[in-house]
Amino acid sequence: MRVNVLYFASFREAAGRDRETRELPEGSSVADLWGALQSEIPYLQAFTRMPPPAVNREHVDGGKRLADGDEVAFLPPVAGG
């Protein structure tokens, strides 16, 4: 199956792009996708917890099973004051 991954803020800088399409095995979860991204983007390895994910613009947990064509975003931490 194919899913569309959106990158924002520091994740976009680390990935070097703002979006991409990823091929995943059927039945993959959001957590599976996060693990794959961490293995390929060194910056993401610093995150011991998965940032809040959204699938098709709805907040979900890591156990959410993905479907072909889903749009997935991980929301990076934001600092400010």
N, C-alpha and C. Protein backbone atom coordinates (compact mmCIF):
# COMPACT_ATOMS: atom_id res chain seq x y z
N MET A 1 0.84 -1.17 0.00
CA MET A 1 0.00 0.00 0.00
C MET A 1 0.88 1.23 0.00
N ARG A 2 0.32 2.34 -0.44
CA ARG A 2 1.05 3.60 -0.49
C ARG A 2 0.37 4.62 0.42
N VAL A 3 1.19 5.32 1.21
CA VAL A 3 0.68 6.40 2.06
C VAL A 3 1.47 7.66 1.76
N ASN A 4 0.84 8.79 1.97
CA ASN A 4 1.48 10.08 1.77
C ASN A 4 1.90 10.63 3.12
N VAL A 5 3.17 10.94 3.24
CA VAL A 5 3.72 11.46 4.50
C VAL A 5 3.99 12.95 4.32
N LEU A 6 3.50 13.74 5.27
CA LEU A 6 3.73 15.18 5.27
C LEU A 6 4.74 15.52 6.36
N TYR A 7 5.68 16.38 6.05
CA TYR A 7 6.69 16.81 7.01
C TYR A 7 6.52 18.30 7.30
N PHE A 8 6.61 18.66 8.58
CA PHE A 8 6.47 20.04 9.00
C PHE A 8 7.67 20.47 9.84
N ALA A 9 7.97 21.77 9.80
CA ALA A 9 8.96 22.41 10.67
C ALA A 9 10.29 21.66 10.67
N SER A 10 10.80 21.29 11.84
CA SER A 10 12.11 20.65 11.93
C SER A 10 12.13 19.30 11.22
N PHE A 11 11.01 18.61 11.17
CA PHE A 11 10.97 17.33 10.46
C PHE A 11 11.16 17.55 8.96
N ARG A 12 10.59 18.62 8.44
CA ARG A 12 10.75 18.95 7.02
C ARG A 12 12.22 19.25 6.72
N GLU A 13 12.85 20.01 7.60
CA GLU A 13 14.27 20.31 7.40
C GLU A 13 15.11 19.05 7.44
N ALA A 14 14.83 18.16 8.38
CA ALA A 14 15.61 16.93 8.51
C ALA A 14 15.40 15.99 7.32
N ALA A 15 14.17 15.92 6.82
CA ALA A 15 13.87 15.03 5.70
C ALA A 15 14.31 15.63 4.37
N GLY A 16 14.44 16.96 4.32
CA GLY A 16 14.83 17.61 3.08
C GLY A 16 13.70 17.71 2.06
N ARG A 17 12.48 17.55 2.52
CA ARG A 17 11.31 17.64 1.65
C ARG A 17 10.08 17.88 2.52
N ASP A 18 9.00 18.32 1.91
CA ASP A 18 7.80 18.58 2.70
C ASP A 18 6.77 17.46 2.60
N ARG A 19 6.96 16.54 1.66
CA ARG A 19 6.05 15.39 1.54
C ARG A 19 6.71 14.31 0.71
N GLU A 20 6.19 13.11 0.85
CA GLU A 20 6.63 11.99 0.02
C GLU A 20 5.58 10.90 0.08
N THR A 21 5.63 10.01 -0.88
CA THR A 21 4.77 8.83 -0.88
C THR A 21 5.63 7.64 -0.48
N ARG A 22 5.13 6.85 0.45
CA ARG A 22 5.85 5.69 0.97
C ARG A 22 5.10 4.41 0.67
N GLU A 23 5.82 3.38 0.33
CA GLU A 23 5.26 2.05 0.13
C GLU A 23 5.43 1.30 1.46
N LEU A 24 4.33 0.73 1.96
CA LEU A 24 4.35 -0.02 3.22
C LEU A 24 3.62 -1.34 3.03
N PRO A 25 3.98 -2.35 3.83
CA PRO A 25 3.22 -3.61 3.77
C PRO A 25 1.78 -3.40 4.25
N GLU A 26 0.86 -4.14 3.68
CA GLU A 26 -0.53 -4.10 4.13
C GLU A 26 -0.57 -4.38 5.63
N GLY A 27 -1.44 -3.69 6.34
CA GLY A 27 -1.59 -3.89 7.78
C GLY A 27 -0.62 -3.10 8.63
N SER A 28 0.21 -2.27 8.00
CA SER A 28 1.17 -1.46 8.76
C SER A 28 0.43 -0.42 9.60
N SER A 29 1.02 -0.12 10.75
CA SER A 29 0.44 0.88 11.65
C SER A 29 1.21 2.19 11.55
N VAL A 30 0.67 3.20 12.19
CA VAL A 30 1.35 4.49 12.27
C VAL A 30 2.71 4.30 12.94
N ALA A 31 2.78 3.48 13.99
CA ALA A 31 4.04 3.23 14.68
C ALA A 31 5.05 2.54 13.76
N ASP A 32 4.58 1.64 12.90
CA ASP A 32 5.48 0.99 11.93
C ASP A 32 6.08 2.03 10.99
N LEU A 33 5.26 2.95 10.53
CA LEU A 33 5.75 4.00 9.65
C LEU A 33 6.77 4.86 10.38
N TRP A 34 6.48 5.26 11.62
CA TRP A 34 7.42 6.07 12.40
C TRP A 34 8.76 5.35 12.54
N GLY A 35 8.73 4.06 12.82
CA GLY A 35 9.97 3.29 12.93
C GLY A 35 10.77 3.29 11.64
N ALA A 36 10.09 3.16 10.51
CA ALA A 36 10.77 3.20 9.22
C ALA A 36 11.39 4.57 8.98
N LEU A 37 10.67 5.62 9.32
CA LEU A 37 11.20 6.97 9.14
C LEU A 37 12.41 7.20 10.03
N GLN A 38 12.35 6.73 11.28
CA GLN A 38 13.48 6.89 12.20
C GLN A 38 14.72 6.18 11.67
N SER A 39 14.54 5.03 11.03
CA SER A 39 15.70 4.29 10.54
C SER A 39 16.37 4.99 9.35
N GLU A 40 15.64 5.87 8.69
CA GLU A 40 16.17 6.54 7.49
C GLU A 40 16.54 8.01 7.70
N ILE A 41 15.98 8.64 8.71
CA ILE A 41 16.23 10.07 8.95
C ILE A 41 16.88 10.20 10.33
N PRO A 42 18.20 10.34 10.39
CA PRO A 42 18.90 10.34 11.68
C PRO A 42 18.33 11.29 12.72
N TYR A 43 17.90 12.47 12.33
CA TYR A 43 17.35 13.44 13.28
C TYR A 43 16.20 12.85 14.09
N LEU A 44 15.40 12.02 13.47
CA LEU A 44 14.23 11.46 14.15
C LEU A 44 14.60 10.44 15.22
N GLN A 45 15.81 9.90 15.15
CA GLN A 45 16.24 8.90 16.13
C GLN A 45 16.36 9.49 17.53
N ALA A 46 16.47 10.80 17.65
CA ALA A 46 16.58 11.45 18.96
C ALA A 46 15.26 11.42 19.72
N PHE A 47 14.17 11.13 19.04
CA PHE A 47 12.85 11.13 19.68
C PHE A 47 12.58 9.75 20.26
N THR A 48 12.59 9.66 21.60
CA THR A 48 12.33 8.38 22.25
C THR A 48 10.85 8.04 22.24
N ARG A 49 10.02 9.07 22.09
CA ARG A 49 8.57 8.86 21.97
C ARG A 49 8.11 9.39 20.62
N MET A 50 7.18 8.70 20.02
CA MET A 50 6.65 9.13 18.75
C MET A 50 5.86 10.43 18.95
N PRO A 51 6.12 11.45 18.14
CA PRO A 51 5.33 12.68 18.24
C PRO A 51 3.87 12.41 17.88
N PRO A 52 2.97 13.28 18.27
CA PRO A 52 1.56 13.07 17.97
C PRO A 52 1.32 12.91 16.46
N PRO A 53 0.71 11.79 16.07
CA PRO A 53 0.43 11.57 14.65
C PRO A 53 -1.00 11.99 14.28
N ALA A 54 -1.16 12.30 13.02
CA ALA A 54 -2.49 12.55 12.46
C ALA A 54 -2.60 11.77 11.15
N VAL A 55 -3.75 11.15 10.95
CA VAL A 55 -4.03 10.43 9.71
C VAL A 55 -5.27 11.07 9.11
N ASN A 56 -5.13 11.51 7.88
CA ASN A 56 -6.23 12.19 7.20
C ASN A 56 -6.80 13.33 8.05
N ARG A 57 -5.87 14.07 8.67
CA ARG A 57 -6.18 15.26 9.48
C ARG A 57 -6.93 14.97 10.77
N GLU A 58 -6.88 13.73 11.23
CA GLU A 58 -7.47 13.37 12.53
C GLU A 58 -6.38 12.81 13.42
N HIS A 59 -6.33 13.29 14.67
CA HIS A 59 -5.34 12.77 15.62
C HIS A 59 -5.65 11.31 15.93
N VAL A 60 -4.60 10.50 15.93
CA VAL A 60 -4.74 9.06 16.16
C VAL A 60 -3.62 8.61 17.09
N ASP A 61 -3.65 7.34 17.50
CA ASP A 61 -2.54 6.79 18.26
C ASP A 61 -1.69 5.91 17.35
N GLY A 62 -0.57 5.46 17.87
CA GLY A 62 0.38 4.70 17.07
C GLY A 62 -0.12 3.36 16.57
N GLY A 63 -1.15 2.83 17.21
CA GLY A 63 -1.70 1.54 16.80
C GLY A 63 -2.63 1.61 15.61
N LYS A 64 -2.97 2.80 15.18
CA LYS A 64 -3.89 2.97 14.04
C LYS A 64 -3.33 2.28 12.81
N ARG A 65 -4.13 1.39 12.21
CA ARG A 65 -3.73 0.71 10.98
C ARG A 65 -3.93 1.66 9.81
N LEU A 66 -2.96 1.68 8.93
CA LEU A 66 -3.02 2.56 7.77
C LEU A 66 -3.67 1.86 6.59
N ALA A 67 -4.24 2.66 5.71
CA ALA A 67 -4.87 2.15 4.49
C ALA A 67 -4.25 2.85 3.29
N ASP A 68 -4.35 2.21 2.16
CA ASP A 68 -3.82 2.78 0.93
C ASP A 68 -4.39 4.18 0.71
N GLY A 69 -3.50 5.13 0.42
CA GLY A 69 -3.92 6.50 0.15
C GLY A 69 -4.01 7.40 1.36
N ASP A 70 -3.79 6.86 2.57
CA ASP A 70 -3.85 7.71 3.77
C ASP A 70 -2.79 8.80 3.71
N GLU A 71 -3.11 9.92 4.35
CA GLU A 71 -2.18 11.03 4.50
C GLU A 71 -1.77 11.06 5.97
N VAL A 72 -0.47 10.96 6.23
CA VAL A 72 0.04 10.85 7.60
C VAL A 72 0.97 12.02 7.89
N ALA A 73 0.79 12.62 9.06
CA ALA A 73 1.68 13.69 9.52
C ALA A 73 2.05 13.42 10.97
N PHE A 74 3.32 13.65 11.29
CA PHE A 74 3.78 13.61 12.67
C PHE A 74 4.05 15.06 13.07
N LEU A 75 3.47 15.47 14.18
CA LEU A 75 3.53 16.88 14.56
C LEU A 75 4.73 17.12 15.48
N PRO A 76 5.76 17.80 14.96
CA PRO A 76 6.97 17.99 15.76
C PRO A 76 6.72 18.91 16.95
N PRO A 77 7.53 18.73 18.00
CA PRO A 77 7.40 19.62 19.16
C PRO A 77 7.72 21.05 18.75
N VAL A 78 7.05 21.97 19.39
CA VAL A 78 7.23 23.39 19.08
C VAL A 78 7.61 24.10 20.37
N ALA A 79 8.59 24.97 20.28
CA ALA A 79 8.99 25.77 21.44
C ALA A 79 8.63 27.22 21.16
N GLY A 80 8.40 27.92 22.20
CA GLY A 80 8.08 29.33 22.01
C GLY A 80 7.84 29.99 23.35
N GLY A 81 7.54 31.24 23.30
CA GLY A 81 7.34 31.89 24.57
C GLY A 81 6.50 33.11 24.48
